[in-house]
PDB file of N, CA and C in Angstrom:
ATOM      1  N   MET A   1      35.002 149.338  96.505  1.00  0.00           N
ATOM      2  CA  MET A   1      34.651 148.098  95.833  1.00  0.00           C
ATOM      3  C   MET A   1      33.588 147.425  96.690  1.00  0.00           C
ATOM      4  N   ASN A   2      32.467 147.040  96.084  1.00  0.00           N
ATOM      5  CA  ASN A   2      31.433 146.387  96.863  1.00  0.00           C
ATOM      6  C   ASN A   2      31.812 144.933  97.136  1.00  0.00           C
ATOM      7  N   ARG A   3      31.079 144.290  98.064  1.00  0.00           N
ATOM      8  CA  ARG A   3      31.431 142.944  98.491  1.00  0.00           C
ATOM      9  C   ARG A   3      31.414 141.963  97.327  1.00  0.00           C
ATOM     10  N   SER A   4      30.441 142.057  96.441  1.00  0.00           N
ATOM     11  CA  SER A   4      30.362 141.153  95.293  1.00  0.00           C
ATOM     12  C   SER A   4      31.567 141.307  94.383  1.00  0.00           C
ATOM     13  N   ALA A   5      31.943 142.547  94.092  1.00  0.00           N
ATOM     14  CA  ALA A   5      33.103 142.789  93.240  1.00  0.00           C
ATOM     15  C   ALA A   5      34.380 142.321  93.919  1.00  0.00           C
ATOM     16  N   ALA A   6      34.463 142.541  95.233  1.00  0.00           N
ATOM     17  CA  ALA A   6      35.645 142.096  95.977  1.00  0.00           C
ATOM     18  C   ALA A   6      35.756 140.579  95.955  1.00  0.00           C
ATOM     19  N   THR A   7      34.642 139.896  96.137  1.00  0.00           N
ATOM     20  CA  THR A   7      34.647 138.436  96.106  1.00  0.00           C
ATOM     21  C   THR A   7      35.053 137.943  94.724  1.00  0.00           C
ATOM     22  N   THR A   8      34.511 138.551  93.690  1.00  0.00           N
ATOM     23  CA  THR A   8      34.865 138.171  92.326  1.00  0.00           C
ATOM     24  C   THR A   8      36.346 138.396  92.071  1.00  0.00           C
ATOM     25  N   ALA A   9      36.873 139.530  92.526  1.00  0.00           N
ATOM     26  CA  ALA A   9      38.294 139.816  92.338  1.00  0.00           C
ATOM     27  C   ALA A   9      39.136 138.764  93.029  1.00  0.00           C
ATOM     28  N   PHE A  10      38.753 138.401  94.252  1.00  0.00           N
ATOM     29  CA  PHE A  10      39.515 137.387  94.975  1.00  0.00           C
ATOM     30  C   PHE A  10      39.436 136.046  94.268  1.00  0.00           C
ATOM     31  N   GLN A  11      38.271 135.687  93.760  1.00  0.00           N
ATOM     32  CA  GLN A  11      38.126 134.420  93.047  1.00  0.00           C
ATOM     33  C   GLN A  11      38.955 134.410  91.772  1.00  0.00           C
ATOM     34  N   LEU A  12      39.063 135.547  91.095  1.00  0.00           N
ATOM     35  CA  LEU A  12      39.870 135.612  89.885  1.00  0.00           C
ATOM     36  C   LEU A  12      41.354 135.485  90.196  1.00  0.00           C
ATOM     37  N   ILE A  13      41.741 135.970  91.366  1.00  0.00           N
ATOM     38  CA  ILE A  13      43.147 135.990  91.716  1.00  0.00           C
ATOM     39  C   ILE A  13      43.596 134.683  92.360  1.00  0.00           C
ATOM     40  N   THR A  14      42.725 134.045  93.118  1.00  0.00           N
ATOM     41  CA  THR A  14      43.091 132.816  93.799  1.00  0.00           C
ATOM     42  C   THR A  14      42.679 131.634  92.946  1.00  0.00           C
ATOM     43  N   ARG A  15      43.632 130.762  92.655  1.00  0.00           N
ATOM     44  CA  ARG A  15      43.343 129.599  91.838  1.00  0.00           C
ATOM     45  C   ARG A  15      43.881 128.362  92.532  1.00  0.00           C
ATOM     46  N   HIS A  16      43.160 127.269  92.435  1.00  0.00           N
ATOM     47  CA  HIS A  16      43.622 126.002  92.987  1.00  0.00           C
ATOM     48  C   HIS A  16      43.964 125.094  91.812  1.00  0.00           C
ATOM     49  N   SER A  17      45.198 124.577  91.797  1.00  0.00           N
ATOM     50  CA  SER A  17      45.559 123.685  90.698  1.00  0.00           C
ATOM     51  C   SER A  17      45.072 122.273  90.967  1.00  0.00           C
ATOM     52  N   SER A  18      44.928 121.898  92.214  1.00  0.00           N
ATOM     53  CA  SER A  18      44.320 120.624  92.591  1.00  0.00           C
ATOM     54  C   SER A  18      43.968 120.718  94.061  1.00  0.00           C
ATOM     55  N   PRO A  19      43.071 119.854  94.552  1.00  0.00           N
ATOM     56  CA  PRO A  19      42.655 119.952  95.949  1.00  0.00           C
ATOM     57  C   PRO A  19      43.797 119.755  96.939  1.00  0.00           C
ATOM     58  N   THR A  20      44.845 119.050  96.547  1.00  0.00           N
ATOM     59  CA  THR A  20      45.925 118.776  97.485  1.00  0.00           C
ATOM     60  C   THR A  20      47.135 119.680  97.304  1.00  0.00           C
ATOM     61  N   SER A  21      47.144 120.480  96.256  1.00  0.00           N
ATOM     62  CA  SER A  21      48.308 121.334  96.024  1.00  0.00           C
ATOM     63  C   SER A  21      48.132 122.671  96.727  1.00  0.00           C
ATOM     64  N   SER A  22      49.215 123.418  96.804  1.00  0.00           N
ATOM     65  CA  SER A  22      49.140 124.730  97.419  1.00  0.00           C
ATOM     66  C   SER A  22      48.425 125.693  96.467  1.00  0.00           C
ATOM     67  N   VAL A  23      47.945 126.777  97.026  1.00  0.00           N
ATOM     68  CA  VAL A  23      47.243 127.786  96.239  1.00  0.00           C
ATOM     69  C   VAL A  23      48.274 128.573  95.439  1.00  0.00           C
ATOM     70  N   LEU A  24      48.006 128.762  94.154  1.00  0.00           N
ATOM     71  CA  LEU A  24      48.865 129.569  93.305  1.00  0.00           C
ATOM     72  C   LEU A  24      48.264 130.963  93.224  1.00  0.00           C
ATOM     73  N   MET A  25      49.076 131.948  93.481  1.00  0.00           N
ATOM     74  CA  MET A  25      48.571 133.316  93.431  1.00  0.00           C
ATOM     75  C   MET A  25      48.964 133.961  92.108  1.00  0.00           C
ATOM     76  N   ALA A  26      48.026 134.706  91.564  1.00  0.00           N
ATOM     77  CA  ALA A  26      48.283 135.442  90.330  1.00  0.00           C
ATOM     78  C   ALA A  26      49.244 136.588  90.639  1.00  0.00           C
ATOM     79  N   LYS A  27      49.949 137.047  89.630  1.00  0.00           N
ATOM     80  CA  LYS A  27      50.824 138.201  89.794  1.00  0.00           C
ATOM     81  C   LYS A  27      49.975 139.462  89.679  1.00  0.00           C
ATOM     82  N   VAL A  28      49.962 140.238  90.737  1.00  0.00           N
ATOM     83  CA  VAL A  28      49.180 141.470  90.786  1.00  0.00           C
ATOM     84  C   VAL A  28      50.150 142.651  90.840  1.00  0.00           C
ATOM     85  N   VAL A  29      49.941 143.612  89.948  1.00  0.00           N
ATOM     86  CA  VAL A  29      50.730 144.842  89.944  1.00  0.00           C
ATOM     87  C   VAL A  29      49.758 146.002  90.114  1.00  0.00           C
ATOM     88  N   ILE A  30      50.088 146.899  91.045  1.00  0.00           N
ATOM     89  CA  ILE A  30      49.270 148.093  91.257  1.00  0.00           C
ATOM     90  C   ILE A  30      50.147 149.307  90.954  1.00  0.00           C
ATOM     91  N   TYR A  31      49.767 150.049  89.904  1.00  0.00           N
ATOM     92  CA  TYR A  31      50.459 151.281  89.553  1.00  0.00           C
ATOM     93  C   TYR A  31      49.833 152.400  90.380  1.00  0.00           C
ATOM     94  N   THR A  32      50.671 153.163  91.062  1.00  0.00           N
ATOM     95  CA  THR A  32      50.208 154.166  92.016  1.00  0.00           C
ATOM     96  C   THR A  32      50.936 155.489  91.812  1.00  0.00           C
ATOM     97  N   LYS A  33      50.543 156.471  92.624  1.00  0.00           N
ATOM     98  CA  LYS A  33      51.318 157.700  92.775  1.00  0.00           C
ATOM     99  C   LYS A  33      51.275 158.055  94.255  1.00  0.00           C
ATOM    100  N   PRO A  34      52.327 158.684  94.757  1.00  0.00           N
ATOM    101  CA  PRO A  34      52.369 159.045  96.172  1.00  0.00           C
ATOM    102  C   PRO A  34      51.200 159.948  96.565  1.00  0.00           C
ATOM    103  N   GLY A  35      50.645 159.683  97.731  1.00  0.00           N
ATOM    104  CA  GLY A  35      49.568 160.515  98.260  1.00  0.00           C
ATOM    105  C   GLY A  35      48.193 160.233  97.692  1.00  0.00           C
ATOM    106  N   CYS A  36      48.057 159.273  96.823  1.00  0.00           N
ATOM    107  CA  CYS A  36      46.761 158.959  96.210  1.00  0.00           C
ATOM    108  C   CYS A  36      45.903 158.152  97.191  1.00  0.00           C
ATOM    109  N   PRO A  37      44.775 158.713  97.647  1.00  0.00           N
ATOM    110  CA  PRO A  37      43.946 157.984  98.620  1.00  0.00           C
ATOM    111  C   PRO A  37      43.305 156.726  98.032  1.00  0.00           C
ATOM    112  N   TYR A  38      43.011 156.735  96.746  1.00  0.00           N
ATOM    113  CA  TYR A  38      42.401 155.556  96.128  1.00  0.00           C
ATOM    114  C   TYR A  38      43.418 154.432  95.967  1.00  0.00           C
ATOM    115  N   CYS A  39      44.661 154.818  95.721  1.00  0.00           N
ATOM    116  CA  CYS A  39      45.745 153.824  95.672  1.00  0.00           C
ATOM    117  C   CYS A  39      45.896 153.175  97.045  1.00  0.00           C
ATOM    118  N   ALA A  40      45.847 153.999  98.087  1.00  0.00           N
ATOM    119  CA  ALA A  40      45.966 153.478  99.455  1.00  0.00           C
ATOM    120  C   ALA A  40      44.828 152.514  99.771  1.00  0.00           C
ATOM    121  N   LYS A  41      43.610 152.852  99.351  1.00  0.00           N
ATOM    122  CA  LYS A  41      42.468 151.964  99.596  1.00  0.00           C
ATOM    123  C   LYS A  41      42.615 150.650  98.845  1.00  0.00           C
ATOM    124  N   ALA A  42      43.086 150.713  97.620  1.00  0.00           N
ATOM    125  CA  ALA A  42      43.286 149.492  96.837  1.00  0.00           C
ATOM    126  C   ALA A  42      44.341 148.606  97.505  1.00  0.00           C
ATOM    127  N   LYS A  43      45.463 149.204  97.895  1.00  0.00           N
ATOM    128  CA  LYS A  43      46.525 148.439  98.556  1.00  0.00           C
ATOM    129  C   LYS A  43      46.026 147.853  99.878  1.00  0.00           C
ATOM    130  N   ASP A  44      45.258 148.636 100.642  1.00  0.00           N
ATOM    131  CA  ASP A  44      44.691 148.142 101.905  1.00  0.00           C
ATOM    132  C   ASP A  44      43.796 146.932 101.662  1.00  0.00           C
ATOM    133  N   TRP A  45      42.971 146.998 100.601  1.00  0.00           N
ATOM    134  CA  TRP A  45      42.068 145.883 100.316  1.00  0.00           C
ATOM    135  C   TRP A  45      42.862 144.624  99.962  1.00  0.00           C
ATOM    136  N   TYR A  46      43.827 144.746  99.071  1.00  0.00           N
ATOM    137  CA  TYR A  46      44.629 143.577  98.693  1.00  0.00           C
ATOM    138  C   TYR A  46      45.367 143.013  99.903  1.00  0.00           C
ATOM    139  N   ASN A  47      45.918 143.896 100.747  1.00  0.00           N
ATOM    140  CA  ASN A  47      46.583 143.424 101.965  1.00  0.00           C
ATOM    141  C   ASN A  47      45.605 142.715 102.898  1.00  0.00           C
ATOM    142  N   SER A  48      44.391 143.267 103.052  1.00  0.00           N
ATOM    143  CA  SER A  48      43.403 142.659 103.957  1.00  0.00           C
ATOM    144  C   SER A  48      42.957 141.286 103.473  1.00  0.00           C
ATOM    145  N   GLN A  49      43.048 141.057 102.169  1.00  0.00           N
ATOM    146  CA  GLN A  49      42.675 139.761 101.604  1.00  0.00           C
ATOM    147  C   GLN A  49      43.866 138.791 101.562  1.00  0.00           C
ATOM    148  N   GLY A  50      45.030 139.275 101.959  1.00  0.00           N
ATOM    149  CA  GLY A  50      46.225 138.441 101.927  1.00  0.00           C
ATOM    150  C   GLY A  50      46.738 138.187 100.526  1.00  0.00           C
ATOM    151  N   ILE A  51      46.417 139.090  99.610  1.00  0.00           N
ATOM    152  CA  ILE A  51      46.830 138.942  98.219  1.00  0.00           C
ATOM    153  C   ILE A  51      48.089 139.770  97.996  1.00  0.00           C
ATOM    154  N   PRO A  52      49.214 139.122  97.710  1.00  0.00           N
ATOM    155  CA  PRO A  52      50.439 139.885  97.486  1.00  0.00           C
ATOM    156  C   PRO A  52      50.381 140.652  96.168  1.00  0.00           C
ATOM    157  N   PHE A  53      51.051 141.790  96.144  1.00  0.00           N
ATOM    158  CA  PHE A  53      51.081 142.600  94.932  1.00  0.00           C
ATOM    159  C   PHE A  53      52.413 143.333  94.860  1.00  0.00           C
ATOM    160  N   ILE A  54      52.715 143.788  93.670  1.00  0.00           N
ATOM    161  CA  ILE A  54      53.882 144.621  93.439  1.00  0.00           C
ATOM    162  C   ILE A  54      53.363 146.033  93.206  1.00  0.00           C
ATOM    163  N   GLU A  55      53.878 146.977  93.975  1.00  0.00           N
ATOM    164  CA  GLU A  55      53.491 148.371  93.782  1.00  0.00           C
ATOM    165  C   GLU A  55      54.525 149.048  92.894  1.00  0.00           C
ATOM    166  N   LYS A  56      54.041 149.777  91.896  1.00  0.00           N
ATOM    167  CA  LYS A  56      54.927 150.520  91.008  1.00  0.00           C
ATOM    168  C   LYS A  56      54.490 151.983  90.999  1.00  0.00           C
ATOM    169  N   ASN A  57      55.382 152.867  91.437  1.00  0.00           N
ATOM    170  CA  ASN A  57      55.112 154.300  91.495  1.00  0.00           C
ATOM    171  C   ASN A  57      55.229 154.875  90.083  1.00  0.00           C
ATOM    172  N   ALA A  58      54.084 155.091  89.460  1.00  0.00           N
ATOM    173  CA  ALA A  58      54.053 155.562  88.075  1.00  0.00           C
ATOM    174  C   ALA A  58      54.264 157.064  87.960  1.00  0.00           C
ATOM    175  N   GLN A  59      54.249 157.753  89.071  1.00  0.00           N
ATOM    176  CA  GLN A  59      54.492 159.194  89.017  1.00  0.00           C
ATOM    177  C   GLN A  59      55.985 159.488  88.940  1.00  0.00           C
ATOM    178  N   ASP A  60      56.779 158.794  89.718  1.00  0.00           N
ATOM    179  CA  ASP A  60      58.195 159.109  89.832  1.00  0.00           C
ATOM    180  C   ASP A  60      59.111 158.241  88.968  1.00  0.00           C
ATOM    181  N   ASN A  61      58.578 157.189  88.362  1.00  0.00           N
ATOM    182  CA  ASN A  61      59.401 156.290  87.554  1.00  0.00           C
ATOM    183  C   ASN A  61      58.855 156.278  86.124  1.00  0.00           C
ATOM    184  N   ARG A  62      59.624 156.794  85.197  1.00  0.00           N
ATOM    185  CA  ARG A  62      59.155 156.921  83.804  1.00  0.00           C
ATOM    186  C   ARG A  62      58.859 155.565  83.158  1.00  0.00           C
ATOM    187  N   GLU A  63      59.662 154.562  83.460  1.00  0.00           N
ATOM    188  CA  GLU A  63      59.428 153.233  82.875  1.00  0.00           C
ATOM    189  C   GLU A  63      58.108 152.652  83.382  1.00  0.00           C
ATOM    190  N   TYR A  64      57.844 152.804  84.681  1.00  0.00           N
ATOM    191  CA  TYR A  64      56.574 152.326  85.233  1.00  0.00           C
ATOM    192  C   TYR A  64      55.406 153.088  84.623  1.00  0.00           C
ATOM    193  N   ARG A  65      55.599 154.396  84.413  1.00  0.00           N
ATOM    194  CA  ARG A  65      54.539 155.209  83.803  1.00  0.00           C
ATOM    195  C   ARG A  65      54.236 154.711  82.385  1.00  0.00           C
ATOM    196  N   LYS A  66      55.290 154.406  81.613  1.00  0.00           N
ATOM    197  CA  LYS A  66      55.084 153.871  80.255  1.00  0.00           C
ATOM    198  C   LYS A  66      54.343 152.542  80.301  1.00  0.00           C
ATOM    199  N   GLU A  67      54.732 151.668  81.230  1.00  0.00           N
ATOM    200  CA  GLU A  67      54.037 150.379  81.387  1.00  0.00           C
ATOM    201  C   GLU A  67      52.558 150.618  81.687  1.00  0.00           C
ATOM    202  N   MET A  68      52.299 151.502  82.664  1.00  0.00           N
ATOM    203  CA  MET A  68      50.924 151.780  83.064  1.00  0.00           C
ATOM    204  C   MET A  68      50.107 152.297  81.888  1.00  0.00           C
ATOM    205  N   PHE A  69      50.683 153.233  81.115  1.00  0.00           N
ATOM    206  CA  PHE A  69      49.964 153.789  79.969  1.00  0.00           C
ATOM    207  C   PHE A  69      49.666 152.732  78.913  1.00  0.00           C
ATOM    208  N   ARG A  70      50.537 151.749  78.756  1.00  0.00           N
ATOM    209  CA  ARG A  70      50.254 150.665  77.804  1.00  0.00           C
ATOM    210  C   ARG A  70      49.016 149.886  78.244  1.00  0.00           C
ATOM    211  N   PHE A  71      48.880 149.659  79.544  1.00  0.00           N
ATOM    212  CA  PHE A  71      47.708 148.933  80.044  1.00  0.00           C
ATOM    213  C   PHE A  71      46.458 149.802  80.031  1.00  0.00           C
ATOM    214  N   SER A  72      46.609 151.083  80.372  1.00  0.00           N
ATOM    215  CA  SER A  72      45.448 151.961  80.562  1.00  0.00           C
ATOM    216  C   SER A  72      45.063 152.753  79.323  1.00  0.00           C
ATOM    217  N   ASN A  73      45.724 152.492  78.191  1.00  0.00           N
ATOM    218  CA  ASN A  73      45.453 153.232  76.957  1.00  0.00           C
ATOM    219  C   ASN A  73      45.639 154.736  77.184  1.00  0.00           C
ATOM    220  N   ASN A  74      46.756 155.057  77.865  1.00  0.00           N
ATOM    221  CA  ASN A  74      47.158 156.434  78.153  1.00  0.00           C
ATOM    222  C   ASN A  74      46.265 157.173  79.144  1.00  0.00           C
ATOM    223  N   ASP A  75      45.436 156.459  79.878  1.00  0.00           N
ATOM    224  CA  ASP A  75      44.620 157.073  80.933  1.00  0.00           C
ATOM    225  C   ASP A  75      45.523 157.261  82.157  1.00  0.00           C
ATOM    226  N   PRO A  76      45.685 158.489  82.660  1.00  0.00           N
ATOM    227  CA  PRO A  76      46.574 158.728  83.797  1.00  0.00           C
ATOM    228  C   PRO A  76      45.969 158.409  85.156  1.00  0.00           C
ATOM    229  N   THR A  77      44.712 157.975  85.194  1.00  0.00           N
ATOM    230  CA  THR A  77      44.040 157.682  86.450  1.00  0.00           C
ATOM    231  C   THR A  77      44.740 156.535  87.176  1.00  0.00           C
ATOM    232  N   VAL A  78      44.960 156.712  88.467  1.00  0.00           N
ATOM    233  CA  VAL A  78      45.509 155.648  89.307  1.00  0.00           C
ATOM    234  C   VAL A  78      44.533 155.360  90.439  1.00  0.00           C
ATOM    235  N   PRO A  79      44.564 154.167  91.006  1.00  0.00           N
ATOM    236  CA  PRO A  79      45.476 153.090  90.665  1.00  0.00           C
ATOM    237  C   PRO A  79      45.068 152.382  89.372  1.00  0.00           C
ATOM    238  N   VAL A  80      46.062 151.765  88.743  1.00  0.00           N
ATOM    239  CA  VAL A  80      45.827 150.858  87.630  1.00  0.00           C
ATOM    240  C   VAL A  80      46.241 149.485  88.144  1.00  0.00           C
ATOM    241  N   ILE A  81      45.313 148.538  88.092  1.00  0.00           N
ATOM    242  CA  ILE A  81      45.567 147.206  88.631  1.00  0.00           C
ATOM    243  C   ILE A  81      45.630 146.215  87.479  1.00  0.00           C
ATOM    244  N   VAL A  82      46.740 145.484  87.439  1.00  0.00           N
ATOM    245  CA  VAL A  82      47.008 144.510  86.384  1.00  0.00           C
ATOM    246  C   VAL A  82      47.191 143.146  87.045  1.00  0.00           C
ATOM    247  N   VAL A  83      46.477 142.144  86.540  1.00  0.00           N
ATOM    248  CA  VAL A  83      46.570 140.789  87.075  1.00  0.00           C
ATOM    249  C   VAL A  83      47.031 139.862  85.959  1.00  0.00           C
ATOM    250  N   ASP A  84      48.130 139.180  86.213  1.00  0.00           N
ATOM    251  CA  ASP A  84      48.708 138.257  85.223  1.00  0.00           C
ATOM    252  C   ASP A  84      48.869 138.909  83.847  1.00  0.00           C
ATOM    253  N   GLY A  85      49.330 140.161  83.842  1.00  0.00           N
ATOM    254  CA  GLY A  85      49.610 140.849  82.590  1.00  0.00           C
ATOM    255  C   GLY A  85      48.399 141.389  81.866  1.00  0.00           C
ATOM    256  N   LYS A  86      47.225 141.366  82.525  1.00  0.00           N
ATOM    257  CA  LYS A  86      45.996 141.871  81.894  1.00  0.00           C
ATOM    258  C   LYS A  86      45.368 142.936  82.780  1.00  0.00           C
ATOM    259  N   LEU A  87      44.908 144.011  82.148  1.00  0.00           N
ATOM    260  CA  LEU A  87      44.258 145.086  82.888  1.00  0.00           C
ATOM    261  C   LEU A  87      43.050 144.551  83.630  1.00  0.00           C
ATOM    262  N   LYS A  88      43.003 144.795  84.933  1.00  0.00           N
ATOM    263  CA  LYS A  88      41.850 144.410  85.747  1.00  0.00           C
ATOM    264  C   LYS A  88      40.941 145.610  85.944  1.00  0.00           C
ATOM    265  N   GLN A  89      41.544 146.740  86.355  1.00  0.00           N
ATOM    266  CA  GLN A  89      40.717 147.926  86.541  1.00  0.00           C
ATOM    267  C   GLN A  89      41.573 149.178  86.630  1.00  0.00           C
ATOM    268  N   ILE A  90      40.893 150.292  86.363  1.00  0.00           N
ATOM    269  CA  ILE A  90      41.486 151.620  86.508  1.00  0.00           C
ATOM    270  C   ILE A  90      40.666 152.340  87.562  1.00  0.00           C
ATOM    271  N   GLY A  91      41.340 152.901  88.566  1.00  0.00           N
ATOM    272  CA  GLY A  91      40.651 153.560  89.668  1.00  0.00           C
ATOM    273  C   GLY A  91      40.243 152.562  90.732  1.00  0.00           C
ATOM    274  N   TRP A  92      39.573 153.089  91.763  1.00  0.00           N
ATOM    275  CA  TRP A  92      39.119 152.265  92.875  1.00  0.00           C
ATOM    276  C   TRP A  92      37.807 152.824  93.368  1.00  0.00           C
ATOM    277  N   GLU A  93      36.839 151.972  93.583  1.00  0.00           N
ATOM    278  CA  GLU A  93      35.507 152.385  94.046  1.00  0.00           C
ATOM    279  C   GLU A  93      34.911 153.446  93.119  1.00  0.00           C
ATOM    280  N   GLY A  94      35.144 153.272  91.821  1.00  0.00           N
ATOM    281  CA  GLY A  94      34.592 154.191  90.833  1.00  0.00           C
ATOM    282  C   GLY A  94      35.302 155.522  90.760  1.00  0.00           C
ATOM    283  N   ARG A  95      36.445 155.617  91.437  1.00  0.00           N
ATOM    284  CA  ARG A  95      37.183 156.880  91.447  1.00  0.00           C
ATOM    285  C   ARG A  95      38.649 156.615  91.219  1.00  0.00           C
ATOM    286  N   GLY A  96      39.397 157.675  91.118  1.00  0.00           N
ATOM    287  CA  GLY A  96      40.841 157.539  90.990  1.00  0.00           C
ATOM    288  C   GLY A  96      41.447 158.799  90.483  1.00  0.00           C
TER     289      GLY A  96
END
């Protein structure tokens, strides 16, 4: 992910409800499979930005796989990143 895309992603995920209130974080879900290097890079990026996420192993859990396919229109490419219930992206750095 290039710096511009990373900044945009962070801006989409971080929201301020008012100048004096705490920052509200969007719910981020990353659908992954074990051993996927692109999944690892995506998780590393979110961790480096301090953005919490829920990881769902779509390879070993059939329910997570069904959820992922609903977002990805049956595309098996991982990672699949969903923010606040909306598909953000499939793959990482143009790959997956």
